[in-house]
Amino acid sequence: MPKLPIISGRELVKLLVKIGYEVDHQTGSHMILRHRETGKRLTVPDHMEISRGTLRAIIKQAGLTREEFEKLYRDR
């Protein structure tokens, strides 16, 4: 299985918007997103590079599988 890509927080937000999340607000260096339908909340750091462990945790919290995320990343 290939490694997860190193992406910025803003790139990750753009991908999450495609699956129904929207930016609710920003507190310091963290962007808070909410899902339009479920109200589920995610926190994404507004950093130039998100570590792979943090990215993995956000993908899991968003309810995506790794394969779904990789497809979303490829199709951006």
PDB file of N, CA and C in Angstrom:
ATOM      1  N   MET A   1       0.842  -1.169   0.000  1.00  0.00           N
ATOM      2  CA  MET A   1       0.000   0.000   0.000  1.00  0.00           C
ATOM      3  C   MET A   1       0.896   1.244   0.000  1.00  0.00           C
ATOM      4  N   PRO A   2       0.675   2.179  -0.942  1.00  0.00           N
ATOM      5  CA  PRO A   2       1.528   3.373  -1.005  1.00  0.00           C
ATOM      6  C   PRO A   2       1.284   4.299   0.185  1.00  0.00           C
ATOM      7  N   LYS A   3       2.286   5.116   0.471  1.00  0.00           N
ATOM      8  CA  LYS A   3       2.167   6.058   1.579  1.00  0.00           C
ATOM      9  C   LYS A   3       1.127   7.122   1.251  1.00  0.00           C
ATOM     10  N   LEU A   4       0.538   7.676   2.296  1.00  0.00           N
ATOM     11  CA  LEU A   4      -0.383   8.793   2.106  1.00  0.00           C
ATOM     12  C   LEU A   4       0.410  10.004   1.619  1.00  0.00           C
ATOM     13  N   PRO A   5      -0.205  10.857   0.811  1.00  0.00           N
ATOM     14  CA  PRO A   5       0.518  12.045   0.327  1.00  0.00           C
ATOM     15  C   PRO A   5       0.711  13.070   1.433  1.00  0.00           C
ATOM     16  N   ILE A   6       1.724  13.889   1.277  1.00  0.00           N
ATOM     17  CA  ILE A   6       1.914  15.025   2.175  1.00  0.00           C
ATOM     18  C   ILE A   6       1.178  16.196   1.530  1.00  0.00           C
ATOM     19  N   ILE A   7       0.125  16.679   2.196  1.00  0.00           N
ATOM     20  CA  ILE A   7      -0.637  17.789   1.642  1.00  0.00           C
ATOM     21  C   ILE A   7      -0.819  18.865   2.711  1.00  0.00           C
ATOM     22  N   SER A   8      -1.204  20.051   2.272  1.00  0.00           N
ATOM     23  CA  SER A   8      -1.428  21.147   3.220  1.00  0.00           C
ATOM     24  C   SER A   8      -2.841  21.052   3.779  1.00  0.00           C
ATOM     25  N   GLY A   9      -3.073  21.785   4.842  1.00  0.00           N
ATOM     26  CA  GLY A   9      -4.398  21.814   5.445  1.00  0.00           C
ATOM     27  C   GLY A   9      -5.434  22.378   4.488  1.00  0.00           C
ATOM     28  N   ARG A  10      -5.060  23.405   3.728  1.00  0.00           N
ATOM     29  CA  ARG A  10      -6.001  24.017   2.784  1.00  0.00           C
ATOM     30  C   ARG A  10      -6.358  23.065   1.649  1.00  0.00           C
ATOM     31  N   GLU A  11      -5.379  22.276   1.172  1.00  0.00           N
ATOM     32  CA  GLU A  11      -5.673  21.268   0.147  1.00  0.00           C
ATOM     33  C   GLU A  11      -6.653  20.226   0.695  1.00  0.00           C
ATOM     34  N   LEU A  12      -6.447  19.813   1.935  1.00  0.00           N
ATOM     35  CA  LEU A  12      -7.322  18.827   2.551  1.00  0.00           C
ATOM     36  C   LEU A  12      -8.734  19.374   2.695  1.00  0.00           C
ATOM     37  N   VAL A  13      -8.869  20.643   3.066  1.00  0.00           N
ATOM     38  CA  VAL A  13     -10.191  21.256   3.183  1.00  0.00           C
ATOM     39  C   VAL A  13     -10.902  21.237   1.836  1.00  0.00           C
ATOM     40  N   LYS A  14     -10.189  21.535   0.750  1.00  0.00           N
ATOM     41  CA  LYS A  14     -10.795  21.515  -0.590  1.00  0.00           C
ATOM     42  C   LYS A  14     -11.344  20.127  -0.922  1.00  0.00           C
ATOM     43  N   LEU A  15     -10.624  19.077  -0.513  1.00  0.00           N
ATOM     44  CA  LEU A  15     -11.088  17.713  -0.764  1.00  0.00           C
ATOM     45  C   LEU A  15     -12.317  17.391   0.088  1.00  0.00           C
ATOM     46  N   LEU A  16     -12.300  17.829   1.344  1.00  0.00           N
ATOM     47  CA  LEU A  16     -13.414  17.535   2.251  1.00  0.00           C
ATOM     48  C   LEU A  16     -14.683  18.294   1.846  1.00  0.00           C
ATOM     49  N   VAL A  17     -14.528  19.460   1.243  1.00  0.00           N
ATOM     50  CA  VAL A  17     -15.691  20.224   0.752  1.00  0.00           C
ATOM     51  C   VAL A  17     -16.421  19.416  -0.314  1.00  0.00           C
ATOM     52  N   LYS A  18     -15.677  18.665  -1.109  1.00  0.00           N
ATOM     53  CA  LYS A  18     -16.281  17.850  -2.176  1.00  0.00           C
ATOM     54  C   LYS A  18     -17.195  16.756  -1.628  1.00  0.00           C
ATOM     55  N   ILE A  19     -16.975  16.337  -0.380  1.00  0.00           N
ATOM     56  CA  ILE A  19     -17.816  15.266   0.176  1.00  0.00           C
ATOM     57  C   ILE A  19     -18.831  15.797   1.194  1.00  0.00           C
ATOM     58  N   GLY A  20     -19.052  17.121   1.193  1.00  0.00           N
ATOM     59  CA  GLY A  20     -20.140  17.654   1.998  1.00  0.00           C
ATOM     60  C   GLY A  20     -19.756  18.468   3.216  1.00  0.00           C
ATOM     61  N   TYR A  21     -18.475  18.673   3.460  1.00  0.00           N
ATOM     62  CA  TYR A  21     -18.058  19.500   4.596  1.00  0.00           C
ATOM     63  C   TYR A  21     -17.943  20.947   4.142  1.00  0.00           C
ATOM     64  N   GLU A  22     -18.123  21.864   5.083  1.00  0.00           N
ATOM     65  CA  GLU A  22     -17.896  23.280   4.807  1.00  0.00           C
ATOM     66  C   GLU A  22     -17.203  23.907   6.001  1.00  0.00           C
ATOM     67  N   VAL A  23     -16.414  24.947   5.727  1.00  0.00           N
ATOM     68  CA  VAL A  23     -15.675  25.607   6.808  1.00  0.00           C
ATOM     69  C   VAL A  23     -16.669  26.355   7.686  1.00  0.00           C
ATOM     70  N   ASP A  24     -16.682  26.023   8.956  1.00  0.00           N
ATOM     71  CA  ASP A  24     -17.565  26.674   9.921  1.00  0.00           C
ATOM     72  C   ASP A  24     -16.879  27.926  10.472  1.00  0.00           C
ATOM     73  N   HIS A  25     -15.642  27.746  10.973  1.00  0.00           N
ATOM     74  CA  HIS A  25     -14.854  28.872  11.464  1.00  0.00           C
ATOM     75  C   HIS A  25     -13.408  28.438  11.623  1.00  0.00           C
ATOM     76  N   GLN A  26     -12.564  29.402  11.964  1.00  0.00           N
ATOM     77  CA  GLN A  26     -11.155  29.105  12.213  1.00  0.00           C
ATOM     78  C   GLN A  26     -10.772  29.658  13.568  1.00  0.00           C
ATOM     79  N   THR A  27     -10.101  28.847  14.350  1.00  0.00           N
ATOM     80  CA  THR A  27      -9.594  29.268  15.650  1.00  0.00           C
ATOM     81  C   THR A  27      -8.084  29.099  15.629  1.00  0.00           C
ATOM     82  N   GLY A  28      -7.374  30.205  15.607  1.00  0.00           N
ATOM     83  CA  GLY A  28      -5.917  30.132  15.529  1.00  0.00           C
ATOM     84  C   GLY A  28      -5.493  29.479  14.236  1.00  0.00           C
ATOM     85  N   SER A  29      -4.695  28.436  14.340  1.00  0.00           N
ATOM     86  CA  SER A  29      -4.201  27.764  13.138  1.00  0.00           C
ATOM     87  C   SER A  29      -4.993  26.495  12.820  1.00  0.00           C
ATOM     88  N   HIS A  30      -6.234  26.405  13.298  1.00  0.00           N
ATOM     89  CA  HIS A  30      -7.056  25.224  13.023  1.00  0.00           C
ATOM     90  C   HIS A  30      -8.385  25.629  12.406  1.00  0.00           C
ATOM     91  N   MET A  31      -8.730  24.970  11.310  1.00  0.00           N
ATOM     92  CA  MET A  31      -9.995  25.218  10.632  1.00  0.00           C
ATOM     93  C   MET A  31     -11.006  24.186  11.118  1.00  0.00           C
ATOM     94  N   ILE A  32     -12.201  24.642  11.471  1.00  0.00           N
ATOM     95  CA  ILE A  32     -13.258  23.770  11.956  1.00  0.00           C
ATOM     96  C   ILE A  32     -14.265  23.603  10.824  1.00  0.00           C
ATOM     97  N   LEU A  33     -14.505  22.361  10.424  1.00  0.00           N
ATOM     98  CA  LEU A  33     -15.442  22.070   9.347  1.00  0.00           C
ATOM     99  C   LEU A  33     -16.649  21.345   9.908  1.00  0.00           C
ATOM    100  N   ARG A  34     -17.801  21.550   9.290  1.00  0.00           N
ATOM    101  CA  ARG A  34     -19.022  20.831   9.649  1.00  0.00           C
ATOM    102  C   ARG A  34     -19.602  20.218   8.393  1.00  0.00           C
ATOM    103  N   HIS A  35     -20.154  19.019   8.549  1.00  0.00           N
ATOM    104  CA  HIS A  35     -20.821  18.358   7.434  1.00  0.00           C
ATOM    105  C   HIS A  35     -22.217  18.946   7.299  1.00  0.00           C
ATOM    106  N   ARG A  36     -22.609  19.252   6.060  1.00  0.00           N
ATOM    107  CA  ARG A  36     -23.900  19.905   5.810  1.00  0.00           C
ATOM    108  C   ARG A  36     -25.089  19.099   6.295  1.00  0.00           C
ATOM    109  N   GLU A  37     -25.039  17.784   6.138  1.00  0.00           N
ATOM    110  CA  GLU A  37     -26.190  16.947   6.460  1.00  0.00           C
ATOM    111  C   GLU A  37     -26.147  16.393   7.884  1.00  0.00           C
ATOM    112  N   THR A  38     -25.003  15.882   8.285  1.00  0.00           N
ATOM    113  CA  THR A  38     -24.918  15.196   9.575  1.00  0.00           C
ATOM    114  C   THR A  38     -24.527  16.114  10.725  1.00  0.00           C
ATOM    115  N   GLY A  39     -23.919  17.263  10.421  1.00  0.00           N
ATOM    116  CA  GLY A  39     -23.454  18.155  11.478  1.00  0.00           C
ATOM    117  C   GLY A  39     -22.155  17.694  12.112  1.00  0.00           C
ATOM    118  N   LYS A  40     -21.581  16.599  11.604  1.00  0.00           N
ATOM    119  CA  LYS A  40     -20.320  16.071  12.126  1.00  0.00           C
ATOM    120  C   LYS A  40     -19.230  17.129  11.975  1.00  0.00           C
ATOM    121  N   ARG A  41     -18.377  17.261  12.986  1.00  0.00           N
ATOM    122  CA  ARG A  41     -17.354  18.291  13.007  1.00  0.00           C
ATOM    123  C   ARG A  41     -15.958  17.702  12.859  1.00  0.00           C
ATOM    124  N   LEU A  42     -15.117  18.374  12.075  1.00  0.00           N
ATOM    125  CA  LEU A  42     -13.720  17.983  11.893  1.00  0.00           C
ATOM    126  C   LEU A  42     -12.834  19.189  12.157  1.00  0.00           C
ATOM    127  N   THR A  43     -11.670  18.945  12.706  1.00  0.00           N
ATOM    128  CA  THR A  43     -10.679  19.995  12.901  1.00  0.00           C
ATOM    129  C   THR A  43      -9.486  19.691  12.020  1.00  0.00           C
ATOM    130  N   VAL A  44      -9.121  20.654  11.171  1.00  0.00           N
ATOM    131  CA  VAL A  44      -8.003  20.481  10.247  1.00  0.00           C
ATOM    132  C   VAL A  44      -6.977  21.575  10.533  1.00  0.00           C
ATOM    133  N   PRO A  45      -5.723  21.208  10.800  1.00  0.00           N
ATOM    134  CA  PRO A  45      -4.706  22.226  11.037  1.00  0.00           C
ATOM    135  C   PRO A  45      -4.398  22.997   9.753  1.00  0.00           C
ATOM    136  N   ASP A  46      -4.262  24.294   9.867  1.00  0.00           N
ATOM    137  CA  ASP A  46      -3.930  25.143   8.711  1.00  0.00           C
ATOM    138  C   ASP A  46      -2.414  25.234   8.600  1.00  0.00           C
ATOM    139  N   HIS A  47      -1.791  24.096   8.293  1.00  0.00           N
ATOM    140  CA  HIS A  47      -0.335  24.000   8.192  1.00  0.00           C
ATOM    141  C   HIS A  47       0.064  23.725   6.747  1.00  0.00           C
ATOM    142  N   MET A  48       1.307  24.042   6.427  1.00  0.00           N
ATOM    143  CA  MET A  48       1.813  23.784   5.074  1.00  0.00           C
ATOM    144  C   MET A  48       1.880  22.289   4.785  1.00  0.00           C
ATOM    145  N   GLU A  49       2.186  21.499   5.786  1.00  0.00           N
ATOM    146  CA  GLU A  49       2.234  20.045   5.640  1.00  0.00           C
ATOM    147  C   GLU A  49       1.538  19.411   6.836  1.00  0.00           C
ATOM    148  N   ILE A  50       0.617  18.492   6.556  1.00  0.00           N
ATOM    149  CA  ILE A  50      -0.047  17.743   7.626  1.00  0.00           C
ATOM    150  C   ILE A  50       0.668  16.408   7.736  1.00  0.00           C
ATOM    151  N   SER A  51       1.035  16.033   8.932  1.00  0.00           N
ATOM    152  CA  SER A  51       1.738  14.764   9.107  1.00  0.00           C
ATOM    153  C   SER A  51       0.825  13.610   8.711  1.00  0.00           C
ATOM    154  N   ARG A  52       1.425  12.516   8.321  1.00  0.00           N
ATOM    155  CA  ARG A  52       0.643  11.369   7.831  1.00  0.00           C
ATOM    156  C   ARG A  52      -0.277  10.810   8.912  1.00  0.00           C
ATOM    157  N   GLY A  53       0.179  10.793  10.151  1.00  0.00           N
ATOM    158  CA  GLY A  53      -0.654  10.285  11.245  1.00  0.00           C
ATOM    159  C   GLY A  53      -1.883  11.148  11.465  1.00  0.00           C
ATOM    160  N   THR A  54      -1.701  12.456  11.400  1.00  0.00           N
ATOM    161  CA  THR A  54      -2.827  13.384  11.547  1.00  0.00           C
ATOM    162  C   THR A  54      -3.779  13.230  10.375  1.00  0.00           C
ATOM    163  N   LEU A  55      -3.232  13.116   9.169  1.00  0.00           N
ATOM    164  CA  LEU A  55      -4.058  12.931   7.975  1.00  0.00           C
ATOM    165  C   LEU A  55      -4.864  11.641   8.077  1.00  0.00           C
ATOM    166  N   ARG A  56      -4.217  10.584   8.527  1.00  0.00           N
ATOM    167  CA  ARG A  56      -4.900   9.295   8.695  1.00  0.00           C
ATOM    168  C   ARG A  56      -6.069   9.422   9.675  1.00  0.00           C
ATOM    169  N   ALA A  57      -5.857  10.148  10.781  1.00  0.00           N
ATOM    170  CA  ALA A  57      -6.906  10.337  11.782  1.00  0.00           C
ATOM    171  C   ALA A  57      -8.071  11.155  11.217  1.00  0.00           C
ATOM    172  N   ILE A  58      -7.776  12.193  10.446  1.00  0.00           N
ATOM    173  CA  ILE A  58      -8.828  13.024   9.858  1.00  0.00           C
ATOM    174  C   ILE A  58      -9.637  12.226   8.844  1.00  0.00           C
ATOM    175  N   ILE A  59      -8.961  11.411   8.042  1.00  0.00           N
ATOM    176  CA  ILE A  59      -9.655  10.567   7.063  1.00  0.00           C
ATOM    177  C   ILE A  59     -10.628   9.632   7.781  1.00  0.00           C
ATOM    178  N   LYS A  60     -10.164   9.039   8.859  1.00  0.00           N
ATOM    179  CA  LYS A  60     -11.000   8.123   9.638  1.00  0.00           C
ATOM    180  C   LYS A  60     -12.195   8.855  10.246  1.00  0.00           C
ATOM    181  N   GLN A  61     -11.967  10.038  10.821  1.00  0.00           N
ATOM    182  CA  GLN A  61     -13.044  10.815  11.418  1.00  0.00           C
ATOM    183  C   GLN A  61     -14.066  11.262  10.376  1.00  0.00           C
ATOM    184  N   ALA A  62     -13.606  11.501   9.148  1.00  0.00           N
ATOM    185  CA  ALA A  62     -14.504  11.924   8.074  1.00  0.00           C
ATOM    186  C   ALA A  62     -15.355  10.764   7.565  1.00  0.00           C
ATOM    187  N   GLY A  63     -15.030   9.547   7.988  1.00  0.00           N
ATOM    188  CA  GLY A  63     -15.801   8.384   7.562  1.00  0.00           C
ATOM    189  C   GLY A  63     -15.373   7.838   6.216  1.00  0.00           C
ATOM    190  N   LEU A  64     -14.166   8.191   5.795  1.00  0.00           N
ATOM    191  CA  LEU A  64     -13.643   7.705   4.520  1.00  0.00           C
ATOM    192  C   LEU A  64     -12.698   6.530   4.745  1.00  0.00           C
ATOM    193  N   THR A  65     -12.639   5.652   3.769  1.00  0.00           N
ATOM    194  CA  THR A  65     -11.597   4.634   3.785  1.00  0.00           C
ATOM    195  C   THR A  65     -10.369   5.249   3.133  1.00  0.00           C
ATOM    196  N   ARG A  66      -9.249   4.613   3.316  1.00  0.00           N
ATOM    197  CA  ARG A  66      -8.021   5.114   2.702  1.00  0.00           C
ATOM    198  C   ARG A  66      -8.139   5.120   1.178  1.00  0.00           C
ATOM    199  N   GLU A  67      -8.773   4.093   0.628  1.00  0.00           N
ATOM    200  CA  GLU A  67      -8.944   3.994  -0.814  1.00  0.00           C
ATOM    201  C   GLU A  67      -9.843   5.115  -1.342  1.00  0.00           C
ATOM    202  N   GLU A  68     -10.920   5.423  -0.602  1.00  0.00           N
ATOM    203  CA  GLU A  68     -11.814   6.511  -1.010  1.00  0.00           C
ATOM    204  C   GLU A  68     -11.066   7.844  -0.997  1.00  0.00           C
ATOM    205  N   PHE A  69     -10.238   8.049   0.025  1.00  0.00           N
ATOM    206  CA  PHE A  69      -9.469   9.292   0.106  1.00  0.00           C
ATOM    207  C   PHE A  69      -8.471   9.379  -1.055  1.00  0.00           C
ATOM    208  N   GLU A  70      -7.778   8.278  -1.343  1.00  0.00           N
ATOM    209  CA  GLU A  70      -6.792   8.298  -2.432  1.00  0.00           C
ATOM    210  C   GLU A  70      -7.453   8.583  -3.771  1.00  0.00           C
ATOM    211  N   LYS A  71      -8.665   8.040  -3.994  1.00  0.00           N
ATOM    212  CA  LYS A  71      -9.398   8.318  -5.225  1.00  0.00           C
ATOM    213  C   LYS A  71      -9.796   9.787  -5.280  1.00  0.00           C
ATOM    214  N   LEU A  72     -10.268  10.320  -4.171  1.00  0.00           N
ATOM    215  CA  LEU A  72     -10.640  11.731  -4.087  1.00  0.00           C
ATOM    216  C   LEU A  72      -9.426  12.609  -4.357  1.00  0.00           C
ATOM    217  N   TYR A  73      -8.271  12.228  -3.831  1.00  0.00           N
ATOM    218  CA  TYR A  73      -7.025  12.972  -4.020  1.00  0.00           C
ATOM    219  C   TYR A  73      -6.582  12.937  -5.487  1.00  0.00           C
ATOM    220  N   ARG A  74      -6.677  11.762  -6.098  1.00  0.00           N
ATOM    221  CA  ARG A  74      -6.289  11.617  -7.501  1.00  0.00           C
ATOM    222  C   ARG A  74      -7.186  12.429  -8.437  1.00  0.00           C
ATOM    223  N   ASP A  75      -8.489  12.489  -8.122  1.00  0.00           N
ATOM    224  CA  ASP A  75      -9.469  13.123  -8.994  1.00  0.00           C
ATOM    225  C   ASP A  75      -9.606  14.626  -8.760  1.00  0.00           C
ATOM    226  N   ARG A  76      -8.771  15.193  -7.933  1.00  0.00           N
ATOM    227  CA  ARG A  76      -8.934  16.618  -7.598  1.00  0.00           C
ATOM    228  C   ARG A  76      -8.699  17.524  -8.731  1.00  0.00           C
TER     229      ARG A  76
END
